[in-house]
Amino acid sequence: MKVIIIGNGLAGVTVAANLVNMDESIEINIFSEEKYTYYSRVRLVDYVVGNVSLDELFVYDENWYTQRGIKLHLNSTVKTVNTNKNSITVEMLEGDAKKNTEYTYDCLVIASGSRPVIPDVPGKDKSGWHVLRTIEDCDGIREHLKQVERITILGSGLLGLELANAFRSGPNSRDTSVIEIEPMAAPVYLDKQGATVFLNLLERAGVKILVKTEVTELVGDKTIEGCRLADKTIHKGDMVIFACGIKPNVDFLRNTQMEIIDGIVVNEYLQTNIKNVYAVGDCCEYNAFIYGINPAAIEQARICAHNIVKPDGKLKIYEGTVPSVSFYGFSTEMVSLGRVNEFTIDPDEWKDIYSYYKVDMTLGVYKKILLKKHQMVGAILIGDLEQQLDLRKMILEKIDVSAFETEILQDGFSLRDWL
């Protein structure tokens, strides 16, 4: 069997590794636009500020692929997918020349990942703005940092927070600010009260954060000198980093028969609407939801590989992944588990959701659990993560907590005592 994998990120290499473990006879080709073997994107922020070297980013070298019989094609951009012919056309860089080559498959796995969202803001013709998704992006930021005094980060998601923390710590700290268009910090992971606690912690750490603030223009002559805000004021800063989220990398599939809404629509077996075509990771959409997190990519990739090989003759079902995000920085820590706000809870479902919480603004501690029919669906912890394993277990195993739900956030609570 010939399997083609589009994408050499976490989802793609996990599919490949699992395929090899189950059936060494499978012929696997991986195609990647980048010039590097698989590296850790979660460590890119550390690389930007010099906490790790380039070599430390790499997870698998060329030998890893060779030893497993996996053919890795770098500098290779998939231009077209022809599901009628079971083939792809790839533009490959050979020296200074580009060459188009067709490859056929028995099974296709799309693990093309995602791209940064770049808002349509006037002034992007100026130099001084960046995104952070690849090693090349990092190298551009590192070079620019040599002449930068003030940094503005657009977006307070996980990447924006990690960048702000990195730029405000260490011997080479910079004046750093975060601008968030939503009315609260970390809007995808927190609720309003938790965001208030978290915002207070950011400000204590010396990070300026402007919420409910829209950037309407990048100002300056040839290089960026600041951002014009909706109220016409100028927020000064000589480097702007867009950390406004990600979107599935699926544009090269728009002319195919594949069902695409925001991402590639897959069923419970990670199959698309096209026979023998699967999608995993940031590019796929399951039950109208795009996860964009590593745990989901790993889980989807393992199930996808199993369903291609079917070692036991059966298909495995993907039931979704419990969203889980952790952040450590600004002398605090935060974990968001499951579904906690309108980004992950449907409006019609809110009538069945109830919650318990504890807050201490002085200590910077916030705890909240969200429940539906006495089963926990989400939790937020800020400043004290001692209970995260218990909360994670309750969400994952859908434990009935009716006998002790009012006790969960009390000091000294242990799930073991109640089971």
Protein backbone atom coordinates (compact mmCIF):
# COMPACT_ATOMS: atom_id res chain seq x y z
CA MET A 1 0.00 0.00 0.00
CA LYS A 2 1.22 3.48 -0.91
CA VAL A 3 0.37 6.24 1.58
CA ILE A 4 1.03 9.91 0.91
CA ILE A 5 1.06 12.33 3.85
CA ILE A 6 0.82 16.05 3.12
CA GLY A 7 2.51 17.82 6.01
CA ASN A 8 5.53 17.09 8.20
CA GLY A 9 4.25 18.58 11.44
CA LEU A 10 3.17 16.77 14.58
CA ALA A 11 0.08 15.19 13.02
CA GLY A 12 1.88 14.04 9.88
CA VAL A 13 4.88 12.43 11.56
CA THR A 14 2.64 10.78 14.17
CA VAL A 15 0.56 9.17 11.42
CA ALA A 16 3.76 7.98 9.70
CA ALA A 17 5.30 6.58 12.89
CA ASN A 18 2.14 4.65 13.76
CA LEU A 19 1.79 3.27 10.24
CA VAL A 20 5.35 1.93 10.36
CA ASN A 21 4.77 0.37 13.78
CA MET A 22 1.73 -1.50 12.48
CA ASP A 23 2.91 -2.46 8.98
CA GLU A 24 6.50 -1.96 7.83
CA SER A 25 5.58 -2.87 4.25
CA ILE A 26 3.63 0.37 3.70
CA GLU A 27 5.33 2.78 1.30
CA ILE A 28 5.15 6.22 2.95
CA ASN A 29 5.92 9.56 1.30
CA ILE A 30 5.74 12.79 3.30
CA PHE A 31 5.70 16.16 1.53
CA SER A 32 6.66 19.38 3.33
CA GLU A 33 6.95 22.97 2.14
CA GLU A 34 9.73 23.62 4.63
CA LYS A 35 13.40 22.80 4.29
CA TYR A 36 13.70 21.25 7.76
CA THR A 37 12.92 17.85 9.23
CA TYR A 38 10.33 17.73 12.02
CA TYR A 39 10.91 20.29 14.78
CA SER A 40 8.99 21.45 17.84
CA ARG A 41 6.83 24.50 17.20
CA VAL A 42 6.08 24.83 20.92
CA ARG A 43 9.75 25.76 21.50
CA LEU A 44 9.92 28.47 18.84
CA VAL A 45 9.34 31.26 21.36
CA ASP A 46 12.34 30.01 23.36
CA TYR A 47 14.38 30.01 20.15
CA VAL A 48 13.35 33.59 19.36
CA VAL A 49 14.75 34.89 22.65
CA GLY A 50 17.82 32.64 22.61
CA ASN A 51 16.85 30.20 25.35
CA VAL A 52 17.40 27.24 23.02
CA SER A 53 19.62 26.75 19.98
CA LEU A 54 18.44 25.84 16.49
CA ASP A 55 19.69 22.27 16.92
CA GLU A 56 17.64 21.87 20.09
CA LEU A 57 14.43 22.50 18.16
CA PHE A 58 14.69 19.35 16.07
CA VAL A 59 12.82 16.26 17.22
CA TYR A 60 13.63 13.95 14.29
CA ASP A 61 16.66 14.12 11.99
CA GLU A 62 16.97 12.57 8.53
CA ASN A 63 18.07 9.24 10.04
CA TRP A 64 14.74 8.89 11.82
CA TYR A 65 12.91 8.84 8.49
CA THR A 66 15.50 6.67 6.75
CA GLN A 67 15.51 4.03 9.48
CA ARG A 68 11.75 3.67 9.14
CA GLY A 69 11.70 3.61 5.36
CA ILE A 70 9.83 6.91 5.18
CA LYS A 71 10.61 9.08 2.15
CA LEU A 72 10.64 12.72 3.20
CA HIS A 73 10.37 15.36 0.46
CA LEU A 74 11.39 18.82 1.73
CA ASN A 75 10.98 22.09 -0.19
CA SER A 76 7.94 20.45 -1.79
CA THR A 77 4.62 22.26 -2.22
CA VAL A 78 1.51 20.29 -3.13
CA LYS A 79 -0.18 22.28 -5.89
CA THR A 80 -3.10 20.02 -6.80
CA VAL A 81 -4.90 16.95 -5.49
CA ASN A 82 -6.74 14.80 -8.03
CA THR A 83 -8.99 12.41 -6.10
CA ASN A 84 -10.31 10.86 -9.33
CA LYS A 85 -6.80 9.73 -10.32
CA ASN A 86 -5.59 9.19 -6.73
CA SER A 87 -2.69 11.52 -7.39
CA ILE A 88 -1.08 14.77 -6.27
CA THR A 89 1.07 17.23 -8.18
CA VAL A 90 4.02 18.59 -6.26
CA GLU A 91 6.21 21.60 -7.03
CA MET A 92 9.68 20.66 -5.85
CA LEU A 93 12.71 22.89 -5.54
CA GLU A 94 15.80 21.33 -7.12
CA GLY A 95 18.70 23.74 -6.88
CA ASP A 96 17.39 27.06 -8.21
CA ALA A 97 14.78 25.41 -10.42
CA LYS A 98 11.21 24.35 -9.69
CA LYS A 99 9.86 21.10 -11.08
CA ASN A 100 6.35 19.66 -11.03
CA THR A 101 6.07 15.94 -10.33
CA GLU A 102 3.01 13.69 -10.02
CA TYR A 103 2.73 11.04 -7.31
CA THR A 104 0.02 8.41 -6.94
CA TYR A 105 -1.39 6.96 -3.75
CA ASP A 106 -3.64 4.24 -2.43
CA CYS A 107 -4.39 6.33 0.64
CA LEU A 108 -3.94 10.06 1.20
CA VAL A 109 -3.56 11.73 4.61
CA ILE A 110 -3.85 15.50 4.70
CA ALA A 111 -1.97 16.92 7.66
CA SER A 112 -1.25 20.31 6.13
CA GLY A 113 -1.61 22.16 9.42
CA SER A 114 -2.48 25.81 9.70
CA ARG A 115 -1.30 29.30 8.89
CA PRO A 116 -1.33 32.46 11.02
CA VAL A 117 -4.31 34.76 10.74
CA ILE A 118 -3.07 38.13 9.45
CA PRO A 119 -5.70 40.88 9.79
CA ASP A 120 -6.32 43.12 6.82
CA VAL A 121 -4.78 46.21 8.41
CA PRO A 122 -3.48 49.08 6.23
CA GLY A 123 0.26 49.60 6.51
CA LYS A 124 1.45 46.04 5.99
CA ASP A 125 3.58 47.32 3.11
CA LYS A 126 5.95 48.67 5.77
CA SER A 127 8.69 46.56 7.31
CA GLY A 128 8.64 45.70 11.00
CA TRP A 129 5.73 43.28 11.36
CA HIS A 130 5.99 39.54 11.83
CA VAL A 131 4.14 36.29 12.42
CA LEU A 132 5.57 33.30 14.28
CA ARG A 133 4.94 29.87 12.81
CA THR A 134 8.20 28.62 11.28
CA ILE A 135 11.93 28.72 11.90
CA GLU A 136 12.24 31.31 9.12
CA ASP A 137 9.74 33.51 10.97
CA CYS A 138 11.87 33.19 14.10
CA ASP A 139 15.04 34.14 12.28
CA GLY A 140 13.40 37.30 10.98
CA ILE A 141 12.25 38.30 14.47
CA ARG A 142 15.66 37.51 16.01
CA GLU A 143 17.41 39.76 13.51
CA HIS A 144 14.91 42.57 14.01
CA LEU A 145 15.22 42.34 17.82
CA LYS A 146 18.77 43.70 17.52
CA GLN A 147 17.34 47.15 16.82
CA VAL A 148 14.00 47.08 18.65
CA GLU A 149 13.05 48.89 21.85
CA ARG A 150 9.25 48.52 21.98
CA ILE A 151 7.27 45.45 20.94
CA THR A 152 3.54 45.29 20.29
CA ILE A 153 1.80 41.91 20.17
CA LEU A 154 -1.62 41.75 18.54
CA GLY A 155 -3.62 39.00 20.24
CA SER A 156 -3.68 37.54 23.75
CA GLY A 157 -4.01 33.88 22.88
CA LEU A 158 -1.46 31.34 24.04
CA LEU A 159 1.20 32.43 21.52
CA GLY A 160 0.73 36.12 22.33
CA LEU A 161 1.02 35.45 26.06
CA GLU A 162 4.12 33.30 25.64
CA LEU A 163 5.79 35.96 23.51
CA ALA A 164 4.92 38.71 25.99
CA ASN A 165 6.32 36.65 28.85
CA ALA A 166 9.52 35.89 26.92
CA PHE A 167 10.09 39.51 25.93
CA ARG A 168 9.51 40.74 29.49
CA SER A 169 11.88 38.28 31.18
CA GLY A 170 15.61 37.68 31.07
CA PRO A 171 18.52 40.08 30.63
CA ASN A 172 17.35 41.38 27.23
CA SER A 173 13.78 42.32 28.16
CA ARG A 174 11.93 44.85 26.02
CA ASP A 175 9.06 47.23 26.61
CA THR A 176 6.19 44.92 25.64
CA SER A 177 2.47 45.50 25.19
CA VAL A 178 -0.42 43.32 24.09
CA ILE A 179 -3.44 44.56 22.17
CA GLU A 180 -6.59 42.42 22.22
CA ILE A 181 -9.67 43.23 20.14
CA GLU A 182 -11.96 41.22 22.41
CA PRO A 183 -13.17 42.77 25.70
CA MET A 184 -11.00 40.44 27.82
CA ALA A 185 -7.58 38.81 27.92
CA ALA A 186 -7.15 35.22 26.67
CA PRO A 187 -10.78 35.16 25.47
CA VAL A 188 -10.68 31.61 24.07
CA TYR A 189 -9.51 30.04 27.33
CA LEU A 190 -11.13 32.11 30.10
CA ASP A 191 -14.40 33.59 31.24
CA LYS A 192 -14.87 37.26 32.13
CA GLN A 193 -14.08 36.92 35.83
CA GLY A 194 -11.04 34.73 35.21
CA ALA A 195 -9.83 37.16 32.55
CA THR A 196 -10.04 40.01 35.08
CA VAL A 197 -7.84 38.08 37.52
CA PHE A 198 -5.41 37.20 34.73
CA LEU A 199 -5.28 40.78 33.41
CA ASN A 200 -4.36 42.00 36.87
CA LEU A 201 -1.48 39.49 36.99
CA LEU A 202 -0.21 40.63 33.58
CA GLU A 203 -0.18 44.24 34.67
CA ARG A 204 1.64 43.34 37.90
CA ALA A 205 4.32 41.69 35.73
CA GLY A 206 4.83 44.91 33.79
CA VAL A 207 3.01 43.95 30.60
CA LYS A 208 0.76 46.62 29.20
CA ILE A 209 -2.43 45.07 27.83
CA LEU A 210 -5.18 46.92 26.01
CA VAL A 211 -8.44 45.00 25.69
CA LYS A 212 -11.42 45.87 23.50
CA THR A 213 -8.95 47.73 21.31
CA GLU A 214 -8.83 47.66 17.53
CA VAL A 215 -5.76 48.46 15.43
CA THR A 216 -6.79 50.32 12.29
CA GLU A 217 -3.38 51.04 10.73
CA LEU A 218 0.34 50.33 11.05
CA VAL A 219 1.94 53.76 10.99
CA GLY A 220 5.40 54.94 10.02
CA ASP A 221 7.31 55.85 6.87
CA LYS A 222 8.99 52.77 5.43
CA THR A 223 9.25 51.02 8.78
CA ILE A 224 6.62 50.62 11.48
CA GLU A 225 6.72 53.15 14.31
CA GLY A 226 3.42 52.28 15.95
CA CYS A 227 -0.24 51.33 15.57
CA ARG A 228 -3.14 53.68 15.04
CA LEU A 229 -6.05 52.61 17.21
CA ALA A 230 -9.78 52.97 16.54
CA ASP A 231 -9.94 56.01 18.82
CA LYS A 232 -7.31 57.68 16.55
CA THR A 233 -4.53 57.53 19.15
CA ILE A 234 -1.09 56.17 18.24
CA HIS A 235 0.33 53.28 20.23
CA LYS A 236 4.09 53.46 19.76
CA GLY A 237 6.15 50.38 18.99
CA ASP A 238 8.85 49.53 16.44
CA MET A 239 7.97 45.83 16.14
CA VAL A 240 4.52 44.35 15.65
CA ILE A 241 3.83 40.62 15.93
CA PHE A 242 0.51 39.25 14.75
CA ALA A 243 -0.61 36.52 17.18
CA CYS A 244 -4.25 36.59 16.10
CA GLY A 245 -4.83 32.88 15.85
CA ILE A 246 -4.53 30.30 13.10
CA LYS A 247 -6.60 29.07 10.16
CA PRO A 248 -6.51 25.69 8.44
CA ASN A 249 -4.10 25.42 5.53
CA VAL A 250 -6.60 24.13 2.96
CA ASP A 251 -6.57 26.63 0.10
CA PHE A 252 -4.82 24.18 -2.22
CA LEU A 253 -7.86 21.89 -1.88
CA ARG A 254 -10.56 24.41 -2.76
CA ASN A 255 -10.91 23.11 -6.34
CA THR A 256 -11.34 19.49 -5.26
CA GLN A 257 -14.55 17.63 -4.39
CA MET A 258 -13.49 17.54 -0.77
CA GLU A 259 -15.99 18.96 1.72
CA ILE A 260 -14.45 22.04 3.34
CA ILE A 261 -16.19 24.51 5.63
CA ASP A 262 -13.50 26.22 7.70
CA GLY A 263 -11.37 23.07 7.73
CA ILE A 264 -11.58 19.71 5.98
CA VAL A 265 -14.71 18.00 7.26
CA VAL A 266 -14.05 14.52 8.67
CA ASN A 267 -16.27 11.84 10.20
CA GLU A 268 -15.70 9.83 13.37
CA TYR A 269 -13.08 7.74 11.57
CA LEU A 270 -11.13 10.84 10.45
CA GLN A 271 -12.23 10.13 6.87
CA THR A 272 -13.17 12.91 4.47
CA ASN A 273 -16.08 12.60 2.05
CA ILE A 274 -13.59 11.14 -0.49
CA LYS A 275 -12.76 7.45 -0.33
CA ASN A 276 -9.26 6.70 1.03
CA VAL A 277 -8.62 10.36 1.96
CA TYR A 278 -8.15 11.27 5.63
CA ALA A 279 -7.42 14.56 7.40
CA VAL A 280 -5.83 15.14 10.81
CA GLY A 281 -4.50 18.00 12.91
CA ASP A 282 -5.06 21.73 12.54
CA CYS A 283 -6.46 21.41 9.01
CA CYS A 284 -9.40 19.17 9.88
CA GLU A 285 -12.85 19.95 11.23
CA TYR A 286 -14.74 17.43 13.35
CA ASN A 287 -18.30 18.09 14.52
CA ALA A 288 -17.95 21.72 13.36
CA PHE A 289 -14.90 22.21 15.61
CA ILE A 290 -11.24 22.82 14.79
CA TYR A 291 -9.07 21.99 17.78
CA GLY A 292 -5.69 23.50 16.85
CA ILE A 293 -3.95 21.88 19.82
CA ASN A 294 -1.27 19.19 20.04
CA PRO A 295 -3.26 16.63 22.08
CA ALA A 296 -5.94 16.55 19.38
CA ALA A 297 -3.36 16.21 16.59
CA ILE A 298 -1.73 13.22 18.33
CA GLU A 299 -5.02 11.48 19.11
CA GLN A 300 -6.38 12.01 15.60
CA ALA A 301 -3.13 10.82 13.99
CA ARG A 302 -3.08 7.57 15.99
CA ILE A 303 -6.69 6.75 15.17
CA CYS A 304 -6.19 7.68 11.51
CA ALA A 305 -3.18 5.35 11.18
CA HIS A 306 -5.12 2.51 12.84
CA ASN A 307 -8.06 2.99 10.47
CA ILE A 308 -5.78 2.88 7.43
CA VAL A 309 -4.15 -0.40 8.48
CA LYS A 310 -7.04 -1.93 10.50
CA PRO A 311 -4.72 -4.40 12.26
CA ASP A 312 -7.65 -5.97 14.12
CA GLY A 313 -10.05 -5.65 11.22
CA LYS A 314 -12.02 -2.90 12.98
CA LEU A 315 -12.21 0.86 12.70
CA LYS A 316 -11.50 3.05 15.72
CA ILE A 317 -13.84 5.91 16.51
CA TYR A 318 -12.65 9.44 17.27
CA GLU A 319 -14.94 11.03 19.84
CA GLY A 320 -13.26 14.41 20.01
CA THR A 321 -10.53 15.71 22.30
CA VAL A 322 -11.03 17.55 25.58
CA PRO A 323 -9.51 21.01 24.93
CA SER A 324 -6.58 21.59 27.27
CA VAL A 325 -4.35 24.65 27.40
CA SER A 326 -1.63 25.44 29.94
CA PHE A 327 0.34 28.65 30.41
CA TYR A 328 3.21 29.34 32.77
CA GLY A 329 4.60 32.85 33.01
CA PHE A 330 4.32 36.28 34.65
CA SER A 331 4.98 34.57 38.01
CA THR A 332 1.72 32.65 37.73
CA GLU A 333 0.18 29.67 35.97
CA MET A 334 -3.09 29.00 34.20
CA VAL A 335 -4.90 25.92 32.93
CA SER A 336 -8.10 25.83 30.89
CA LEU A 337 -9.74 22.43 30.52
CA GLY A 338 -12.69 21.38 28.41
CA ARG A 339 -15.42 23.82 27.42
CA VAL A 340 -15.49 27.06 29.40
CA ASN A 341 -17.08 29.82 27.31
CA GLU A 342 -19.08 30.73 24.21
CA PHE A 343 -16.25 29.62 21.91
CA THR A 344 -16.88 25.98 22.86
CA ILE A 345 -20.39 25.93 24.36
CA ASP A 346 -23.33 26.37 22.00
CA PRO A 347 -25.81 29.14 22.88
CA ASP A 348 -28.66 26.63 23.20
CA GLU A 349 -26.62 24.60 25.69
CA TRP A 350 -25.97 27.41 28.14
CA LYS A 351 -29.36 26.94 29.83
CA ASP A 352 -28.16 23.55 31.07
CA ILE A 353 -24.74 24.77 32.28
CA TYR A 354 -24.14 25.77 35.90
CA SER A 355 -20.92 26.53 37.75
CA TYR A 356 -19.02 27.00 41.01
CA TYR A 357 -16.07 29.31 41.52
CA LYS A 358 -13.59 30.77 44.03
CA VAL A 359 -11.61 33.96 43.55
CA ASP A 360 -8.89 35.83 45.45
CA MET A 361 -7.74 38.95 43.61
CA THR A 362 -4.99 39.67 46.13
CA LEU A 363 -3.34 36.27 45.69
CA GLY A 364 -4.21 36.13 42.01
CA VAL A 365 -6.10 32.85 42.37
CA TYR A 366 -9.21 31.87 40.43
CA LYS A 367 -10.92 28.46 40.25
CA LYS A 368 -14.06 27.62 38.35
CA ILE A 369 -15.81 24.43 37.29
CA LEU A 370 -18.65 24.20 34.76
CA LEU A 371 -21.15 21.34 34.90
CA LYS A 372 -24.01 19.90 32.91
CA LYS A 373 -26.32 17.29 34.43
CA HIS A 374 -23.82 16.75 37.27
CA GLN A 375 -20.93 16.02 34.88
CA MET A 376 -18.04 18.41 34.57
CA VAL A 377 -17.61 19.91 31.09
CA GLY A 378 -14.91 22.50 31.81
CA ALA A 379 -12.64 24.07 34.38
CA ILE A 380 -10.39 27.11 34.79
CA LEU A 381 -7.51 27.34 37.25
CA ILE A 382 -5.34 30.44 37.71
CA GLY A 383 -2.59 30.76 40.29
CA ASP A 384 -3.16 27.34 41.85
CA LEU A 385 -3.08 24.20 39.68
CA GLU A 386 -3.10 21.63 42.47
CA GLN A 387 -6.47 20.21 41.41
CA GLN A 388 -5.88 19.97 37.67
CA LEU A 389 -5.38 16.18 37.54
CA ASP A 390 -8.61 15.52 39.44
CA LEU A 391 -10.52 17.98 37.27
CA ARG A 392 -9.08 16.52 34.08
CA LYS A 393 -10.11 13.01 35.18
CA MET A 394 -13.65 14.13 35.96
CA ILE A 395 -14.01 15.70 32.53
CA LEU A 396 -12.41 12.87 30.55
CA GLU A 397 -14.28 10.08 32.33
CA LYS A 398 -17.57 11.98 32.54
CA ILE A 399 -17.87 11.18 36.24
CA ASP A 400 -21.18 11.85 37.97
CA VAL A 401 -20.21 14.40 40.65
CA SER A 402 -23.67 15.02 42.07
CA ALA A 403 -22.65 13.64 45.49
CA PHE A 404 -19.75 16.05 45.93
CA GLU A 405 -19.90 18.83 43.36
CA THR A 406 -20.20 21.57 46.01
CA GLU A 407 -17.03 20.26 47.67
CA ILE A 408 -14.75 20.14 44.63
CA LEU A 409 -13.26 23.63 44.99
CA GLN A 410 -12.83 23.37 48.75
CA ASP A 411 -9.29 23.19 50.19
CA GLY A 412 -8.09 19.63 50.64
CA PHE A 413 -10.57 18.07 48.23
CA SER A 414 -9.38 14.77 46.72
CA LEU A 415 -11.35 12.85 44.10
CA ARG A 416 -9.93 9.60 45.50
CA ASP A 417 -11.88 10.14 48.73
CA TRP A 418 -15.18 10.10 46.82
CA LEU A 419 -14.68 7.23 44.39
